N, C-alpha and C. Protein backbone atom coordinates (compact mmCIF):
# COMPACT_ATOMS: atom_id res chain seq x y z
N MET A 1 31.22 -86.47 -105.78
CA MET A 1 29.75 -86.08 -105.91
C MET A 1 29.79 -84.89 -107.16
N LYS A 2 28.69 -85.03 -107.85
CA LYS A 2 28.76 -84.10 -109.06
C LYS A 2 27.48 -83.10 -108.77
N ALA A 3 27.76 -81.95 -109.20
CA ALA A 3 26.62 -80.89 -109.18
C ALA A 3 25.60 -81.18 -110.16
N TYR A 4 24.32 -80.86 -109.78
CA TYR A 4 23.08 -80.89 -110.63
C TYR A 4 23.06 -79.70 -111.59
N LYS A 5 22.52 -79.91 -112.88
CA LYS A 5 22.31 -78.91 -113.79
C LYS A 5 20.79 -78.56 -113.78
N GLY A 6 20.61 -77.30 -113.47
CA GLY A 6 19.22 -76.98 -113.34
C GLY A 6 18.78 -75.58 -114.06
N CYS A 7 17.56 -75.37 -114.22
CA CYS A 7 17.21 -74.01 -114.76
C CYS A 7 17.12 -72.96 -113.62
N VAL A 8 17.80 -71.76 -113.94
CA VAL A 8 17.72 -70.85 -112.90
C VAL A 8 16.81 -69.66 -113.08
N ASN A 9 15.93 -69.80 -114.06
CA ASN A 9 14.90 -68.80 -114.50
C ASN A 9 13.73 -68.96 -113.46
N ARG A 10 13.52 -68.04 -112.72
CA ARG A 10 12.57 -68.06 -111.57
C ARG A 10 11.10 -68.24 -112.05
N GLU A 11 10.77 -67.83 -113.30
CA GLU A 11 9.45 -67.92 -113.92
C GLU A 11 9.24 -69.27 -114.51
N CYS A 12 10.20 -70.08 -114.74
CA CYS A 12 10.11 -71.33 -115.35
C CYS A 12 9.46 -72.41 -114.42
N LYS A 13 8.77 -73.34 -115.02
CA LYS A 13 8.14 -74.46 -114.29
C LYS A 13 9.22 -75.32 -113.55
N SER A 14 10.28 -75.53 -114.17
CA SER A 14 11.33 -76.40 -113.71
C SER A 14 12.29 -75.75 -112.80
N PHE A 15 12.13 -74.46 -112.35
CA PHE A 15 12.96 -73.88 -111.48
C PHE A 15 12.78 -74.63 -110.04
N LYS A 16 13.95 -74.92 -109.48
CA LYS A 16 13.95 -75.69 -108.14
C LYS A 16 13.10 -76.93 -108.03
N ARG A 17 13.02 -77.57 -109.17
CA ARG A 17 12.17 -78.90 -109.24
C ARG A 17 13.39 -79.97 -109.17
N LYS A 18 12.98 -81.02 -108.80
CA LYS A 18 14.03 -82.07 -108.76
C LYS A 18 14.38 -82.62 -110.17
N ASP A 19 13.75 -82.11 -111.04
CA ASP A 19 14.15 -82.55 -112.59
C ASP A 19 15.53 -81.86 -112.74
N HIS A 20 16.57 -82.79 -112.71
CA HIS A 20 17.77 -82.35 -113.00
C HIS A 20 18.28 -82.77 -114.37
N TYR A 21 18.98 -81.94 -115.14
CA TYR A 21 19.30 -82.20 -116.52
C TYR A 21 20.67 -82.82 -116.61
N LYS A 22 20.79 -83.63 -117.74
CA LYS A 22 22.04 -84.27 -118.15
C LYS A 22 23.10 -83.21 -118.47
N ASP A 23 24.44 -83.54 -118.48
CA ASP A 23 25.39 -82.70 -119.00
C ASP A 23 25.31 -82.08 -120.49
N GLU A 24 24.71 -83.03 -121.08
CA GLU A 24 24.62 -82.78 -122.61
C GLU A 24 23.55 -81.53 -122.91
N TYR A 25 22.62 -81.39 -121.94
CA TYR A 25 21.68 -80.24 -122.17
C TYR A 25 22.33 -78.88 -121.81
N ASN A 26 22.24 -78.08 -122.67
CA ASN A 26 22.81 -76.65 -122.40
C ASN A 26 21.66 -75.53 -122.08
N TYR A 27 20.49 -75.92 -122.52
CA TYR A 27 19.46 -75.06 -122.51
C TYR A 27 18.14 -75.72 -121.80
N CYS A 28 17.41 -75.05 -121.09
CA CYS A 28 16.07 -75.64 -120.44
C CYS A 28 15.13 -75.94 -121.58
N PRO A 29 14.59 -77.18 -121.51
CA PRO A 29 13.57 -77.52 -122.54
C PRO A 29 12.24 -76.89 -122.46
N ILE A 30 12.04 -76.27 -121.28
CA ILE A 30 10.61 -75.57 -121.03
C ILE A 30 10.71 -74.12 -121.45
N CYS A 31 11.81 -73.42 -121.02
CA CYS A 31 11.71 -71.89 -121.14
C CYS A 31 12.87 -71.53 -122.12
N GLY A 32 13.98 -72.23 -122.35
CA GLY A 32 15.02 -71.97 -123.31
C GLY A 32 16.11 -71.24 -122.55
N GLU A 33 16.08 -71.05 -121.27
CA GLU A 33 17.08 -70.33 -120.61
C GLU A 33 18.35 -71.32 -120.44
N LYS A 34 19.56 -70.77 -120.39
CA LYS A 34 20.77 -71.45 -120.22
C LYS A 34 20.68 -72.15 -118.96
N LEU A 35 21.15 -73.54 -118.86
CA LEU A 35 21.14 -74.24 -117.65
C LEU A 35 22.43 -74.06 -116.97
N GLU A 36 22.37 -74.01 -115.69
CA GLU A 36 23.70 -73.85 -114.74
C GLU A 36 23.80 -74.99 -113.90
N TYR A 37 25.06 -75.20 -113.39
CA TYR A 37 25.28 -76.08 -112.24
C TYR A 37 24.78 -75.34 -111.00
N VAL A 38 23.96 -75.99 -110.09
CA VAL A 38 23.32 -75.48 -109.04
C VAL A 38 23.59 -76.43 -107.80
N CYS A 39 23.54 -75.71 -106.62
CA CYS A 39 23.59 -76.49 -105.36
C CYS A 39 22.25 -77.34 -105.16
N ALA A 40 22.31 -78.52 -104.61
CA ALA A 40 21.24 -79.41 -104.57
C ALA A 40 20.29 -78.84 -103.50
N ASP A 41 20.83 -78.15 -102.53
CA ASP A 41 19.83 -77.60 -101.33
C ASP A 41 19.26 -76.25 -101.69
N CYS A 42 20.08 -75.32 -101.96
CA CYS A 42 19.56 -73.83 -101.95
C CYS A 42 19.46 -73.35 -103.55
N TRP A 43 19.91 -74.08 -104.48
CA TRP A 43 19.66 -73.72 -105.74
C TRP A 43 20.72 -72.66 -106.20
N LYS A 44 21.82 -72.34 -105.46
CA LYS A 44 22.69 -71.34 -105.71
C LYS A 44 23.45 -71.77 -106.98
N VAL A 45 23.95 -70.82 -107.90
CA VAL A 45 24.62 -71.21 -109.08
C VAL A 45 26.07 -71.49 -108.60
N LEU A 46 26.68 -72.62 -108.96
CA LEU A 46 28.11 -72.93 -108.67
C LEU A 46 28.93 -72.66 -109.67
N ASP A 47 30.28 -72.51 -109.32
CA ASP A 47 31.26 -72.08 -110.40
C ASP A 47 31.82 -73.35 -111.14
N HIS A 48 31.67 -74.50 -110.48
CA HIS A 48 32.14 -75.76 -111.01
C HIS A 48 31.20 -76.80 -110.86
N ASN A 49 31.56 -77.95 -111.49
CA ASN A 49 30.48 -79.05 -111.40
C ASN A 49 31.05 -80.29 -110.56
N THR A 50 32.09 -80.05 -109.80
CA THR A 50 32.63 -81.21 -109.00
C THR A 50 31.90 -81.45 -107.68
N GLU A 51 31.33 -80.38 -107.09
CA GLU A 51 30.66 -80.48 -105.65
C GLU A 51 29.15 -80.44 -105.93
N LYS A 52 28.41 -81.31 -105.08
CA LYS A 52 26.96 -81.26 -105.18
C LYS A 52 26.39 -80.06 -104.42
N TYR A 53 27.06 -79.61 -103.28
CA TYR A 53 26.57 -78.50 -102.49
C TYR A 53 27.46 -77.26 -102.40
N CYS A 54 26.77 -76.15 -102.28
CA CYS A 54 27.71 -74.95 -102.08
C CYS A 54 28.35 -74.92 -100.75
N ALA A 55 29.45 -74.10 -100.54
CA ALA A 55 30.04 -74.20 -99.29
C ALA A 55 29.12 -73.98 -97.93
N SER A 56 28.15 -73.15 -98.10
CA SER A 56 27.32 -72.92 -96.82
C SER A 56 26.44 -74.06 -96.63
N CYS A 57 26.05 -74.71 -97.53
CA CYS A 57 25.10 -75.82 -97.35
C CYS A 57 25.89 -76.93 -97.03
N GLU A 58 27.10 -77.19 -97.39
CA GLU A 58 28.02 -78.29 -97.01
C GLU A 58 28.29 -78.14 -95.56
N ALA A 59 28.59 -76.94 -95.10
CA ALA A 59 28.85 -76.64 -93.60
C ALA A 59 27.76 -77.06 -92.74
N LYS A 60 26.49 -76.54 -93.27
CA LYS A 60 25.30 -76.93 -92.48
C LYS A 60 25.20 -78.39 -92.48
N ARG A 61 25.36 -79.19 -93.40
CA ARG A 61 25.15 -80.64 -93.51
C ARG A 61 26.17 -81.31 -92.66
N ASP A 62 27.46 -80.81 -92.59
CA ASP A 62 28.53 -81.35 -91.70
C ASP A 62 28.10 -81.09 -90.21
N GLN A 63 27.55 -79.83 -89.92
CA GLN A 63 27.12 -79.46 -88.57
C GLN A 63 26.03 -80.49 -88.16
N LYS A 64 25.04 -80.72 -88.93
CA LYS A 64 23.86 -81.69 -88.53
C LYS A 64 24.55 -83.10 -88.50
N ARG A 65 25.48 -83.52 -89.23
CA ARG A 65 25.97 -84.90 -89.13
C ARG A 65 26.67 -84.88 -87.82
N ALA A 66 27.43 -83.93 -87.39
CA ALA A 66 28.39 -84.06 -86.25
C ALA A 66 27.42 -84.05 -84.98
N GLN A 67 26.24 -83.24 -85.15
CA GLN A 67 25.41 -83.08 -84.02
C GLN A 67 24.45 -84.56 -83.81
N ALA A 68 24.23 -85.16 -84.97
CA ALA A 68 23.63 -86.49 -84.82
C ALA A 68 24.51 -87.51 -84.17
N ILE A 69 25.78 -87.47 -84.61
CA ILE A 69 26.74 -88.42 -84.04
C ILE A 69 26.86 -88.23 -82.53
N GLN A 70 26.84 -87.04 -82.13
CA GLN A 70 27.12 -86.74 -80.57
C GLN A 70 25.79 -87.09 -79.97
N ASN A 71 24.66 -86.91 -80.50
CA ASN A 71 23.40 -87.33 -79.90
C ASN A 71 23.31 -88.85 -79.67
N ILE A 72 23.77 -89.64 -80.72
CA ILE A 72 23.87 -91.00 -80.66
C ILE A 72 24.84 -91.49 -79.49
N LYS A 73 25.98 -90.89 -79.50
CA LYS A 73 26.87 -91.23 -78.41
C LYS A 73 26.45 -90.83 -77.03
N ASP A 74 25.84 -89.71 -76.97
CA ASP A 74 25.21 -89.41 -75.57
C ASP A 74 23.97 -90.42 -75.17
N GLY A 75 23.29 -90.71 -76.28
CA GLY A 75 22.10 -91.71 -75.77
C GLY A 75 22.73 -92.98 -75.55
N GLY A 76 23.74 -93.44 -76.16
CA GLY A 76 24.25 -94.75 -75.97
C GLY A 76 24.92 -94.88 -74.50
N VAL A 77 25.52 -93.84 -73.96
CA VAL A 77 26.01 -93.82 -72.69
C VAL A 77 24.85 -93.86 -71.75
N ALA A 78 23.81 -93.09 -71.95
CA ALA A 78 22.80 -93.11 -70.94
C ALA A 78 22.01 -94.52 -70.85
N VAL A 79 21.88 -95.23 -72.11
CA VAL A 79 21.30 -96.49 -72.03
C VAL A 79 22.31 -97.52 -71.31
N ALA A 80 23.55 -97.43 -71.60
CA ALA A 80 24.43 -98.41 -70.93
C ALA A 80 24.46 -98.19 -69.54
N GLY A 81 24.48 -96.78 -69.00
CA GLY A 81 24.46 -96.49 -67.59
C GLY A 81 23.19 -97.14 -67.03
N ALA A 82 22.09 -96.92 -67.58
CA ALA A 82 20.87 -97.43 -67.03
C ALA A 82 20.77 -98.81 -66.99
N VAL A 83 21.35 -99.57 -68.00
CA VAL A 83 21.31 -100.98 -67.89
C VAL A 83 22.11 -101.51 -66.80
N GLY A 84 23.33 -100.90 -66.70
CA GLY A 84 24.20 -101.16 -65.48
C GLY A 84 23.56 -101.07 -64.17
N ALA A 85 22.88 -99.92 -63.98
CA ALA A 85 22.10 -99.69 -62.70
C ALA A 85 21.03 -100.54 -62.50
N VAL A 86 20.27 -100.97 -63.46
CA VAL A 86 19.17 -102.10 -63.28
C VAL A 86 19.84 -103.36 -62.87
N GLY A 87 20.96 -103.76 -63.68
CA GLY A 87 21.67 -104.96 -63.33
C GLY A 87 22.11 -105.18 -61.88
N GLY A 88 22.74 -103.97 -61.60
CA GLY A 88 23.26 -104.03 -60.09
C GLY A 88 22.13 -104.04 -59.18
N LEU A 89 21.02 -103.28 -59.28
CA LEU A 89 19.98 -103.32 -58.42
C LEU A 89 19.21 -104.62 -58.38
N ALA A 90 19.19 -105.21 -59.53
CA ALA A 90 18.43 -106.61 -59.62
C ALA A 90 19.21 -107.70 -58.83
N VAL A 91 20.49 -107.68 -58.83
CA VAL A 91 21.25 -108.73 -58.13
C VAL A 91 21.18 -108.42 -56.66
N LYS A 92 21.28 -107.19 -56.18
CA LYS A 92 21.26 -106.82 -54.77
C LYS A 92 19.86 -107.09 -53.96
N HIS A 93 18.82 -106.69 -54.83
CA HIS A 93 17.61 -106.74 -54.31
C HIS A 93 16.67 -107.44 -55.33
N LYS A 94 16.72 -108.90 -55.16
CA LYS A 94 15.89 -109.58 -56.19
C LYS A 94 14.54 -109.49 -55.92
N ASP A 95 14.02 -109.15 -54.69
CA ASP A 95 12.60 -109.05 -54.38
C ASP A 95 12.15 -107.65 -54.72
N LYS A 96 12.91 -106.75 -54.90
CA LYS A 96 12.45 -105.41 -55.46
C LYS A 96 12.95 -105.22 -56.81
N PHE A 97 12.85 -106.16 -57.72
CA PHE A 97 13.10 -105.89 -59.03
C PHE A 97 12.05 -105.05 -59.74
N ALA A 98 10.86 -105.18 -59.54
CA ALA A 98 9.88 -104.36 -60.21
C ALA A 98 10.06 -102.79 -59.80
N ALA A 99 10.43 -102.56 -58.62
CA ALA A 99 10.70 -101.06 -58.17
C ALA A 99 11.93 -100.59 -58.91
N ALA A 100 12.97 -101.34 -59.13
CA ALA A 100 14.26 -101.05 -59.67
C ALA A 100 13.98 -100.84 -61.28
N GLY A 101 13.13 -101.53 -61.81
CA GLY A 101 12.79 -101.20 -63.21
C GLY A 101 12.04 -99.93 -63.35
N LYS A 102 11.18 -99.53 -62.42
CA LYS A 102 10.52 -98.25 -62.40
C LYS A 102 11.56 -97.10 -62.26
N VAL A 103 12.47 -97.23 -61.45
CA VAL A 103 13.68 -96.26 -61.23
C VAL A 103 14.41 -96.11 -62.48
N ALA A 104 14.65 -97.24 -63.07
CA ALA A 104 15.49 -97.29 -64.27
C ALA A 104 14.76 -96.50 -65.40
N MET A 105 13.48 -96.69 -65.50
CA MET A 105 12.70 -96.08 -66.53
C MET A 105 12.75 -94.47 -66.23
N LYS A 106 12.65 -94.11 -65.01
CA LYS A 106 12.54 -92.67 -64.70
C LYS A 106 14.03 -92.09 -65.12
N ILE A 107 15.09 -92.92 -65.10
CA ILE A 107 16.48 -92.35 -65.39
C ILE A 107 16.56 -92.21 -66.91
N ILE A 108 15.92 -93.32 -67.52
CA ILE A 108 16.03 -93.27 -69.10
C ILE A 108 15.25 -91.97 -69.67
N LYS A 109 14.13 -91.72 -68.98
CA LYS A 109 13.11 -90.72 -69.43
C LYS A 109 13.96 -89.44 -69.32
N LYS A 110 14.78 -89.17 -68.47
CA LYS A 110 15.46 -87.84 -68.12
C LYS A 110 16.32 -87.88 -69.30
């Protein structure tokens, strides 16, 4: 990933806009301020142009990604358990299939 080049002048119209400039541009076309490589999330000036995000934003993104993966894993286990419970109840109590479905829905909602 490559860093974005953006205007760091707070009074400029292009400050923190999604208008990112090409590497050929050295100065902002609106205010004339020198363009810098900035973090895509927090607009902090970066020392290099190899990374798209600063260290703190990258850590936040990694933490969110790990949490999303964990939530998916937890949800998958709950669904598989509920399906297994419904299947077992349906085989044992064919006449009470509707009641087993209600119980499974309560389990899934939790």
